Amino acid sequence: MVKTPTVPIPANLLVDCFIPIIKEDMTFGDSVQLNVALLSALDTCNGQVRTIREIESSRIGKIAQPQ
C-alpha cells in the first residue's frame, strides 16, 4: 500500500465568514440591504463548508452527507 501525502485544505476556505456591519439607526431600506448582505454571507459560508466536506469525503473515499 502506498501512502499519499494529505493535501491541506486551501486557506481561502478557512477564513472567517464576512459579517455585515449593523447600523444602530436603520431605515427600512437599510434593513433590506442588511438582509441581502446576510444572505450573501450565508451563501458564501455554505459554499466553503460544502467544498471542505467534498475535500474530506474524497480523502476517506465516501460522500459525507450534511446533517
N, C-alpha and C. Protein backbone atom coordinates (compact mmCIF):
# COMPACT_ATOMS: atom_id res chain seq x y z
N MET A 1 0.84 -1.17 0.00
CA MET A 1 0.00 0.00 0.00
C MET A 1 0.89 1.24 0.00
N VAL A 2 0.58 2.15 -0.89
CA VAL A 2 1.36 3.38 -1.00
C VAL A 2 0.58 4.50 -0.33
N LYS A 3 1.24 5.17 0.60
CA LYS A 3 0.58 6.30 1.26
C LYS A 3 0.84 7.56 0.47
N THR A 4 -0.19 8.33 0.28
CA THR A 4 -0.05 9.61 -0.40
C THR A 4 -0.15 10.72 0.64
N PRO A 5 0.57 11.80 0.41
CA PRO A 5 0.52 12.89 1.38
C PRO A 5 -0.87 13.52 1.41
N THR A 6 -1.26 13.96 2.59
CA THR A 6 -2.54 14.64 2.75
C THR A 6 -2.40 16.07 2.27
N VAL A 7 -3.29 16.46 1.38
CA VAL A 7 -3.28 17.83 0.86
C VAL A 7 -4.06 18.70 1.83
N PRO A 8 -3.46 19.81 2.26
CA PRO A 8 -4.17 20.67 3.20
C PRO A 8 -5.37 21.35 2.55
N ILE A 9 -6.33 21.68 3.35
CA ILE A 9 -7.49 22.42 2.86
C ILE A 9 -7.02 23.83 2.51
N PRO A 10 -7.41 24.35 1.34
CA PRO A 10 -6.96 25.68 0.93
C PRO A 10 -7.32 26.75 1.97
N ALA A 11 -6.39 27.66 2.18
CA ALA A 11 -6.56 28.70 3.20
C ALA A 11 -7.79 29.56 2.95
N ASN A 12 -8.14 29.79 1.68
CA ASN A 12 -9.31 30.64 1.41
C ASN A 12 -10.61 30.02 1.89
N LEU A 13 -10.63 28.73 2.14
CA LEU A 13 -11.83 28.08 2.66
C LEU A 13 -11.90 28.13 4.17
N LEU A 14 -10.79 28.52 4.81
CA LEU A 14 -10.73 28.52 6.27
C LEU A 14 -10.82 29.92 6.88
N VAL A 15 -10.99 30.93 6.04
CA VAL A 15 -11.11 32.30 6.57
C VAL A 15 -12.49 32.48 7.21
N ASP A 16 -12.55 33.39 8.16
CA ASP A 16 -13.84 33.69 8.80
C ASP A 16 -14.82 34.24 7.78
N CYS A 17 -16.06 33.96 7.99
CA CYS A 17 -17.11 34.47 7.11
C CYS A 17 -17.33 35.96 7.37
N PHE A 18 -17.67 36.66 6.31
CA PHE A 18 -17.93 38.10 6.38
C PHE A 18 -19.16 38.36 7.24
N ILE A 19 -19.03 39.31 8.16
CA ILE A 19 -20.17 39.71 8.99
C ILE A 19 -20.49 41.16 8.67
N PRO A 20 -21.65 41.41 8.07
CA PRO A 20 -22.00 42.80 7.73
C PRO A 20 -22.13 43.67 8.98
N ILE A 21 -21.84 44.94 8.81
CA ILE A 21 -21.99 45.90 9.90
C ILE A 21 -23.47 46.23 10.06
N ILE A 22 -23.95 46.21 11.29
CA ILE A 22 -25.35 46.53 11.57
C ILE A 22 -25.40 47.93 12.18
N LYS A 23 -26.05 48.83 11.47
CA LYS A 23 -26.18 50.20 11.94
C LYS A 23 -27.14 50.27 13.13
N GLU A 24 -26.92 51.26 13.98
CA GLU A 24 -27.85 51.45 15.10
C GLU A 24 -29.15 52.10 14.62
N ASP A 25 -29.03 53.10 13.76
CA ASP A 25 -30.20 53.78 13.22
C ASP A 25 -30.46 53.23 11.82
N MET A 26 -31.34 52.25 11.74
CA MET A 26 -31.62 51.65 10.44
C MET A 26 -32.98 52.06 9.92
N THR A 27 -33.00 52.35 8.64
CA THR A 27 -34.27 52.59 7.96
C THR A 27 -34.76 51.25 7.43
N PHE A 28 -35.96 51.24 6.90
CA PHE A 28 -36.48 50.03 6.30
C PHE A 28 -35.58 49.60 5.14
N GLY A 29 -35.14 50.55 4.34
CA GLY A 29 -34.25 50.24 3.22
C GLY A 29 -32.93 49.65 3.69
N ASP A 30 -32.41 50.20 4.80
CA ASP A 30 -31.17 49.65 5.37
C ASP A 30 -31.36 48.20 5.80
N SER A 31 -32.52 47.90 6.36
CA SER A 31 -32.76 46.53 6.82
C SER A 31 -32.85 45.56 5.64
N VAL A 32 -33.41 46.03 4.53
CA VAL A 32 -33.47 45.19 3.33
C VAL A 32 -32.05 44.92 2.82
N GLN A 33 -31.23 45.97 2.78
CA GLN A 33 -29.84 45.80 2.33
C GLN A 33 -29.08 44.87 3.28
N LEU A 34 -29.34 44.97 4.57
CA LEU A 34 -28.70 44.09 5.54
C LEU A 34 -29.11 42.64 5.29
N ASN A 35 -30.38 42.41 5.02
CA ASN A 35 -30.85 41.05 4.74
C ASN A 35 -30.14 40.47 3.52
N VAL A 36 -29.97 41.28 2.49
CA VAL A 36 -29.27 40.82 1.28
C VAL A 36 -27.82 40.48 1.62
N ALA A 37 -27.17 41.35 2.40
CA ALA A 37 -25.78 41.10 2.79
C ALA A 37 -25.66 39.83 3.64
N LEU A 38 -26.60 39.64 4.57
CA LEU A 38 -26.57 38.45 5.43
C LEU A 38 -26.79 37.17 4.62
N LEU A 39 -27.73 37.21 3.68
CA LEU A 39 -27.98 36.02 2.84
C LEU A 39 -26.78 35.72 1.96
N SER A 40 -26.13 36.75 1.46
CA SER A 40 -24.94 36.56 0.64
C SER A 40 -23.81 35.94 1.47
N ALA A 41 -23.62 36.44 2.69
CA ALA A 41 -22.59 35.89 3.57
C ALA A 41 -22.88 34.44 3.91
N LEU A 42 -24.14 34.13 4.17
CA LEU A 42 -24.53 32.76 4.48
C LEU A 42 -24.28 31.84 3.29
N ASP A 43 -24.60 32.30 2.10
CA ASP A 43 -24.38 31.51 0.89
C ASP A 43 -22.89 31.23 0.69
N THR A 44 -22.06 32.25 0.92
CA THR A 44 -20.62 32.08 0.80
C THR A 44 -20.10 31.07 1.80
N CYS A 45 -20.53 31.19 3.05
CA CYS A 45 -20.09 30.25 4.10
C CYS A 45 -20.54 28.83 3.79
N ASN A 46 -21.78 28.69 3.34
CA ASN A 46 -22.27 27.35 2.99
C ASN A 46 -21.45 26.76 1.84
N GLY A 47 -21.04 27.60 0.90
CA GLY A 47 -20.19 27.12 -0.20
C GLY A 47 -18.85 26.64 0.31
N GLN A 48 -18.27 27.38 1.27
CA GLN A 48 -16.99 26.97 1.84
C GLN A 48 -17.13 25.63 2.57
N VAL A 49 -18.17 25.49 3.36
CA VAL A 49 -18.38 24.24 4.10
C VAL A 49 -18.62 23.08 3.14
N ARG A 50 -19.39 23.33 2.10
CA ARG A 50 -19.67 22.29 1.10
C ARG A 50 -18.37 21.82 0.45
N THR A 51 -17.51 22.76 0.10
CA THR A 51 -16.25 22.41 -0.54
C THR A 51 -15.34 21.64 0.43
N ILE A 52 -15.27 22.07 1.68
CA ILE A 52 -14.47 21.34 2.68
C ILE A 52 -15.02 19.93 2.85
N ARG A 53 -16.34 19.79 2.89
CA ARG A 53 -16.96 18.46 3.01
C ARG A 53 -16.57 17.58 1.83
N GLU A 54 -16.55 18.15 0.62
CA GLU A 54 -16.18 17.38 -0.57
C GLU A 54 -14.71 16.95 -0.51
N ILE A 55 -13.86 17.86 -0.04
CA ILE A 55 -12.44 17.52 0.09
C ILE A 55 -12.26 16.38 1.08
N GLU A 56 -12.90 16.50 2.23
CA GLU A 56 -12.79 15.46 3.26
C GLU A 56 -13.37 14.14 2.77
N SER A 57 -14.47 14.21 2.04
CA SER A 57 -15.08 12.98 1.51
C SER A 57 -14.15 12.27 0.54
N SER A 58 -13.48 13.05 -0.30
CA SER A 58 -12.56 12.43 -1.26
C SER A 58 -11.37 11.80 -0.55
N ARG A 59 -11.01 12.34 0.61
CA ARG A 59 -9.89 11.78 1.38
C ARG A 59 -10.24 10.42 1.95
N ILE A 60 -11.47 10.26 2.38
CA ILE A 60 -11.85 8.99 3.01
C ILE A 60 -12.62 8.08 2.06
N GLY A 61 -12.83 8.54 0.83
CA GLY A 61 -13.41 7.70 -0.20
C GLY A 61 -14.90 7.50 -0.13
N LYS A 62 -15.59 8.40 0.53
CA LYS A 62 -17.04 8.31 0.54
C LYS A 62 -17.62 9.71 0.56
N ILE A 63 -18.86 9.83 0.28
CA ILE A 63 -19.53 11.12 0.25
C ILE A 63 -20.15 11.39 1.62
N ALA A 64 -19.71 12.47 2.23
CA ALA A 64 -20.27 12.87 3.54
C ALA A 64 -21.55 13.66 3.31
N GLN A 65 -22.56 13.30 4.01
CA GLN A 65 -23.85 13.98 3.89
C GLN A 65 -24.00 15.01 4.99
N PRO A 66 -24.55 16.19 4.65
CA PRO A 66 -24.79 17.18 5.72
C PRO A 66 -25.82 16.64 6.71
N GLN A 67 -25.70 17.06 7.96
CA GLN A 67 -26.61 16.55 8.97
C GLN A 67 -27.50 17.63 9.50
